[in-house]
């Protein structure tokens, strides 16, 4: 089912009455796809865009129009992915900037000079490079992490149409080891211990992501893969841990994934995207079970 990287330019009307060019990626497996091209396809839903549907229709619409991906945490994660998964592209895409005191005349001049050299590359703090190297070293000495990443394909996109709802969906796998039939997701974190990373999974909706990625690989290849998290600490000692989700974890992800899809399909059909509390009534609230 693999298709070429040829994309379809689709010019559509915006709400402001203008014209905007969209990219529609072909169905199937896409290799060598840049992040910019992947994100430019607004016709297919990614897990990031789908998760807010579990909150409300308004949150879902807000996420569709949100293009702000400039936070330091997201930038660090992006740099880590490139350094670990596509190291040959790192110096082409990022420029390590030395910290200077821009309040002084000399510091301001140095900052401007660095930005000139930076050109079109994304500037990141100089100290990040040593941190990224430490993480890569930790991953290399972790037997399972090294096995998962060794010989595997990196940054492979899968695009498909959900047979139940008819929605176009897309995922971009960090690491796909076709021989082992395992998809691995590289995640930066402050604490890679089991309890801390489990809380991060809940906070950021990782179960839905895992289910959606596995579904995408299955729909495109006909084989349902296993899933692994490669958790990498972004501060000393830069430990790396690999986690395999339980059946309970994956079943929860599949339920949330299907729930979000059905909500979006219903909202699209009705043309109504409800707010957080549609009836405007107060709700009871309690502490979570782990509190």
Protein backbone atom coordinates (compact mmCIF):
# COMPACT_ATOMS: atom_id res chain seq x y z
CA UNK A 1 0.00 0.00 0.00
CA UNK A 2 3.02 2.26 -0.07
CA UNK A 3 2.65 5.35 -2.23
CA UNK A 4 5.09 7.95 -3.47
CA UNK A 5 5.67 11.24 -1.69
CA UNK A 6 3.75 13.15 -4.33
CA UNK A 7 1.37 15.52 -2.58
CA UNK A 8 -1.81 17.16 -3.75
CA UNK A 9 -2.15 20.92 -3.51
CA UNK A 10 -5.70 21.76 -2.50
CA UNK A 11 -6.64 25.44 -2.47
CA UNK A 12 -9.60 26.10 -0.22
CA UNK A 13 -11.47 29.16 0.97
CA UNK A 14 -10.69 30.41 4.47
CA UNK A 15 -13.22 31.86 6.88
CA UNK A 16 -11.86 35.34 6.12
CA UNK A 17 -12.70 34.92 2.47
CA UNK A 18 -9.14 34.42 1.30
CA UNK A 19 -7.52 31.40 -0.32
CA UNK A 20 -5.19 29.05 1.48
CA UNK A 21 -3.07 26.22 0.04
CA UNK A 22 -3.36 22.88 1.81
CA UNK A 23 -1.38 19.70 1.23
CA UNK A 24 -3.13 16.35 1.12
CA UNK A 25 -0.72 13.49 1.70
CA UNK A 26 -1.34 10.25 -0.18
CA UNK A 27 -2.67 7.22 1.67
CA UNK A 28 -0.17 4.58 2.71
CA UNK A 29 3.43 4.66 3.92
CA UNK A 30 5.48 7.79 3.33
CA UNK A 31 9.22 7.79 3.91
CA UNK A 32 11.51 10.81 3.93
CA UNK A 33 8.70 13.20 4.81
CA UNK A 34 9.77 16.45 6.48
CA UNK A 35 8.01 17.68 9.59
CA UNK A 36 6.85 20.77 7.73
CA UNK A 37 5.20 18.69 5.00
CA UNK A 38 3.65 16.37 7.57
CA UNK A 39 2.11 19.21 9.56
CA UNK A 40 1.00 21.03 6.40
CA UNK A 41 -1.59 18.34 5.71
CA UNK A 42 -4.63 19.67 7.56
CA UNK A 43 -7.01 17.22 5.87
CA UNK A 44 -5.85 14.35 8.10
CA UNK A 45 -6.04 14.32 11.89
CA UNK A 46 -2.97 13.57 13.99
CA UNK A 47 -3.16 12.33 17.58
CA UNK A 48 -2.22 15.81 18.81
CA UNK A 49 -5.21 17.33 17.02
CA UNK A 50 -7.54 14.50 18.01
CA UNK A 51 -6.92 14.41 21.78
CA UNK A 52 -8.74 17.69 22.55
CA UNK A 53 -11.95 16.09 21.26
CA UNK A 54 -12.01 14.19 24.55
CA UNK A 55 -12.52 17.55 26.30
CA UNK A 56 -15.06 19.32 24.09
CA UNK A 57 -15.92 20.36 20.57
CA UNK A 58 -14.64 23.86 21.26
CA UNK A 59 -11.29 22.49 22.41
CA UNK A 60 -11.10 20.36 19.27
CA UNK A 61 -11.68 23.37 17.00
CA UNK A 62 -9.16 25.45 18.93
CA UNK A 63 -6.53 22.75 18.50
CA UNK A 64 -7.14 22.62 14.75
CA UNK A 65 -6.31 26.31 14.40
CA UNK A 66 -3.47 26.33 16.93
CA UNK A 67 -0.11 26.59 15.17
CA UNK A 68 1.98 27.62 18.20
CA UNK A 69 4.68 25.02 18.64
CA UNK A 70 7.33 27.38 19.95
CA UNK A 71 7.51 26.36 23.62
CA UNK A 72 10.92 25.40 24.96
CA UNK A 73 9.72 21.88 25.86
CA UNK A 74 8.49 21.26 22.31
CA UNK A 75 11.68 22.70 20.84
CA UNK A 76 13.81 20.45 23.06
CA UNK A 77 11.76 17.42 22.06
CA UNK A 78 12.12 18.29 18.38
CA UNK A 79 15.89 18.75 18.72
CA UNK A 80 16.16 15.45 20.61
CA UNK A 81 14.25 13.60 17.90
CA UNK A 82 16.50 14.97 15.17
CA UNK A 83 19.71 14.30 17.12
CA UNK A 84 18.68 10.74 17.99
CA UNK A 85 16.75 9.67 14.91
CA UNK A 86 18.15 11.77 12.05
CA UNK A 87 21.58 12.96 13.26
CA UNK A 88 22.73 13.75 9.73
CA UNK A 89 20.13 16.55 9.61
CA UNK A 90 20.88 18.10 12.99
CA UNK A 91 23.46 20.69 11.92
CA UNK A 92 21.37 21.52 8.86
CA UNK A 93 18.31 22.32 10.98
CA UNK A 94 19.70 23.62 14.28
CA UNK A 95 22.34 26.12 15.32
CA UNK A 96 23.78 26.07 18.84
CA UNK A 97 23.83 29.60 20.22
CA UNK A 98 26.14 30.62 23.05
CA UNK A 99 24.47 32.53 25.86
CA UNK A 100 25.47 36.20 25.96
CA UNK A 101 24.39 39.22 27.97
CA UNK A 102 22.39 41.12 25.36
CA UNK A 103 22.08 44.06 27.76
CA UNK A 104 25.67 45.01 27.00
CA UNK A 105 26.89 46.48 23.72
CA UNK A 106 29.35 43.63 23.16
CA UNK A 107 26.78 41.02 24.08
CA UNK A 108 24.18 42.49 21.77
CA UNK A 109 26.68 42.53 18.91
CA UNK A 110 27.65 38.91 19.58
CA UNK A 111 24.02 37.83 19.63
CA UNK A 112 23.33 39.52 16.31
CA UNK A 113 26.45 37.94 14.79
CA UNK A 114 25.35 34.48 15.91
CA UNK A 115 21.89 34.97 14.43
CA UNK A 116 23.46 35.92 11.10
CA UNK A 117 25.47 32.69 11.08
CA UNK A 118 22.37 30.80 12.21
CA UNK A 119 20.62 31.84 8.97
CA UNK A 120 17.45 29.77 8.45
CA UNK A 121 18.35 27.20 11.10
CA UNK A 122 16.55 27.02 14.42
CA UNK A 123 18.64 28.47 17.27
CA UNK A 124 19.00 26.37 20.42
CA UNK A 125 21.16 26.88 23.55
CA UNK A 126 24.74 25.64 23.18
CA UNK A 127 24.49 23.47 26.31
CA UNK A 128 21.70 21.41 24.77
CA UNK A 129 24.13 19.68 22.42
CA UNK A 130 26.07 18.12 25.30
CA UNK A 131 22.79 17.03 26.88
CA UNK A 132 21.56 15.45 23.65
CA UNK A 133 24.86 13.61 23.26
CA UNK A 134 24.56 12.29 26.83
CA UNK A 135 21.05 11.02 26.10
CA UNK A 136 22.21 9.31 22.91
CA UNK A 137 25.06 7.66 24.83
CA UNK A 138 22.62 6.40 27.48
CA UNK A 139 20.31 5.02 24.80
CA UNK A 140 23.23 3.29 23.12
CA UNK A 141 24.21 1.42 26.26
CA UNK A 142 20.60 0.41 27.03
CA UNK A 143 20.30 -3.06 25.52
CA UNK A 144 16.62 -2.88 24.54
CA UNK A 145 16.70 0.74 23.36
CA UNK A 146 19.71 -0.02 21.17
CA UNK A 147 18.00 -3.12 19.76
CA UNK A 148 14.79 -1.25 18.97
CA UNK A 149 16.58 1.58 17.21
CA UNK A 150 19.26 -0.46 15.49
CA UNK A 151 18.39 -1.14 11.87
CA UNK A 152 14.94 0.39 12.24
CA UNK A 153 13.36 3.02 10.02
CA UNK A 154 12.98 6.50 11.46
CA UNK A 155 10.25 9.10 11.04
CA UNK A 156 7.92 7.01 8.86
CA UNK A 157 4.46 8.44 8.19
CA UNK A 158 1.27 6.40 7.82
CA UNK A 159 -1.91 7.91 6.34
CA UNK A 160 -5.25 6.12 6.20
CA UNK A 161 -9.02 6.52 6.27
CA UNK A 162 -10.82 5.19 9.33
CA UNK A 163 -13.34 2.63 8.02
CA UNK A 164 -15.97 3.42 10.69
CA UNK A 165 -16.04 7.22 10.62
CA UNK A 166 -14.50 8.01 7.22
CA UNK A 167 -12.05 10.44 8.82
CA UNK A 168 -8.58 10.85 7.30
CA UNK A 169 -5.90 10.11 9.88
CA UNK A 170 -2.11 10.32 10.01
CA UNK A 171 0.75 9.39 12.32
CA UNK A 172 4.51 9.71 12.03
CA UNK A 173 6.34 6.91 13.82
CA UNK A 174 9.61 7.84 15.50
CA UNK A 175 11.03 4.32 15.14
CA UNK A 176 9.46 1.50 13.14
CA UNK A 177 11.24 -1.82 13.28
CA UNK A 178 9.37 -3.77 10.65
CA UNK A 179 11.29 -7.01 11.30
CA UNK A 180 10.37 -6.95 15.00
CA UNK A 181 6.93 -5.50 14.20
CA UNK A 182 7.43 -2.85 16.90
CA UNK A 183 6.78 0.89 16.85
CA UNK A 184 8.75 2.92 19.40
CA UNK A 185 8.07 6.46 20.54
CA UNK A 186 10.92 8.61 21.87
CA UNK A 187 9.81 10.83 24.75
CA UNK A 188 11.85 13.38 26.67
CA UNK A 189 11.01 13.69 30.36
CA UNK A 190 12.29 15.05 33.65
CA UNK A 191 12.03 11.66 35.38
CA UNK A 192 12.11 8.33 33.52
CA UNK A 193 11.23 6.21 36.56
CA UNK A 194 8.15 4.01 36.21
CA UNK A 195 5.83 6.00 38.48
CA UNK A 196 6.84 9.39 37.10
CA UNK A 197 6.60 8.32 33.47
CA UNK A 198 3.22 6.65 34.07
CA UNK A 199 1.89 9.99 35.33
CA UNK A 200 3.30 11.68 32.24
CA UNK A 201 1.46 9.11 30.10
CA UNK A 202 -1.82 10.08 31.74
CA UNK A 203 -1.17 13.82 31.64
CA UNK A 204 -0.34 13.93 27.95
CA UNK A 205 -2.72 11.26 26.66
CA UNK A 206 -0.11 8.74 25.60
CA UNK A 207 -2.55 5.77 25.64
CA UNK A 208 -4.60 7.32 22.82
CA UNK A 209 -1.42 8.05 20.86
CA UNK A 210 -0.16 4.48 21.21
CA UNK A 211 -3.49 3.05 20.09
CA UNK A 212 -3.75 5.42 17.13
CA UNK A 213 -0.21 4.74 15.91
CA UNK A 214 -0.69 0.98 16.13
CA UNK A 215 -4.01 1.30 14.31
CA UNK A 216 -2.36 3.30 11.55
CA UNK A 217 0.38 0.75 10.99
CA UNK A 218 -2.22 -2.03 10.99
CA UNK A 219 -4.51 -0.29 8.48
CA UNK A 220 -1.65 0.37 6.09
CA UNK A 221 0.44 -2.81 6.43
CA UNK A 222 -2.11 -5.38 7.63
CA UNK A 223 0.02 -6.19 10.69
CA UNK A 224 -0.81 -4.87 14.15
CA UNK A 225 2.48 -3.90 15.81
CA UNK A 226 3.61 -3.84 19.41
CA UNK A 227 4.38 -0.53 21.10
CA UNK A 228 7.31 0.71 23.16
CA UNK A 229 8.15 3.99 24.87
CA UNK A 230 11.78 5.12 24.97
CA UNK A 231 11.85 7.59 27.84
CA UNK A 232 14.88 9.89 27.97
CA UNK A 233 15.68 12.20 30.87
CA UNK A 234 16.77 15.69 29.82
CA UNK A 235 18.85 16.38 32.93
CA UNK A 236 21.62 14.44 34.71
CA UNK A 237 22.09 11.52 34.80
CA UNK A 238 20.24 11.51 31.43
CA UNK A 239 18.88 8.01 32.07
CA UNK A 240 16.98 6.13 29.37
CA UNK A 241 14.24 3.61 30.11
CA UNK A 242 12.09 1.48 27.82
CA UNK A 243 8.48 0.69 28.73
CA UNK A 244 6.05 -1.77 27.21
CA UNK A 245 2.40 -0.84 27.87
CA UNK A 246 0.11 -3.43 29.44
CA UNK A 247 -3.05 -4.72 27.79
CA UNK A 248 -5.04 -2.50 30.13
CA UNK A 249 -3.03 0.52 28.98
CA UNK A 250 -3.63 -0.28 25.31
CA UNK A 251 -7.33 -1.09 25.78
CA UNK A 252 -7.82 2.28 27.45
CA UNK A 253 -6.02 3.96 24.58
CA UNK A 254 -8.17 2.16 22.00
CA UNK A 255 -11.35 3.17 23.85
CA UNK A 256 -10.31 6.83 24.04
CA UNK A 257 -9.16 6.82 20.42
CA UNK A 258 -12.48 5.42 19.22
CA UNK A 259 -14.44 7.78 21.49
CA UNK A 260 -12.62 10.82 20.10
CA UNK A 261 -13.15 9.69 16.49
CA UNK A 262 -16.88 9.17 17.00
CA UNK A 263 -17.26 12.56 18.61
CA UNK A 264 -15.50 14.32 15.75
CA UNK A 265 -17.53 12.43 13.14
CA UNK A 266 -20.78 13.41 14.90
CA UNK A 267 -19.77 17.06 15.26
CA UNK A 268 -18.79 17.25 11.60
CA UNK A 269 -22.08 15.69 10.51
CA UNK A 270 -24.16 18.01 12.72
CA UNK A 271 -22.05 21.09 12.20
CA UNK A 272 -22.12 21.71 15.95
CA UNK A 273 -19.02 21.68 18.18
CA UNK A 274 -20.31 21.82 21.78
CA UNK A 275 -18.58 23.70 24.60
CA UNK A 276 -17.15 22.12 27.75
CA UNK A 277 -20.44 22.25 29.68
CA UNK A 278 -23.20 22.41 27.01
CA UNK A 279 -26.04 22.72 29.51
CA UNK A 280 -24.32 25.41 31.57
CA UNK A 281 -24.90 23.51 34.80
CA UNK A 282 -22.47 23.01 37.68
CA UNK A 283 -20.91 19.55 38.02
CA UNK A 284 -19.66 17.62 41.02
CA UNK A 285 -15.89 17.30 41.24
CA UNK A 286 -13.74 14.99 43.35
CA UNK A 287 -10.04 14.30 43.81
CA UNK A 288 -8.44 11.79 41.43
CA UNK A 289 -7.95 8.23 42.69
CA UNK A 290 -4.20 8.65 43.09
CA UNK A 291 -4.43 11.81 45.24
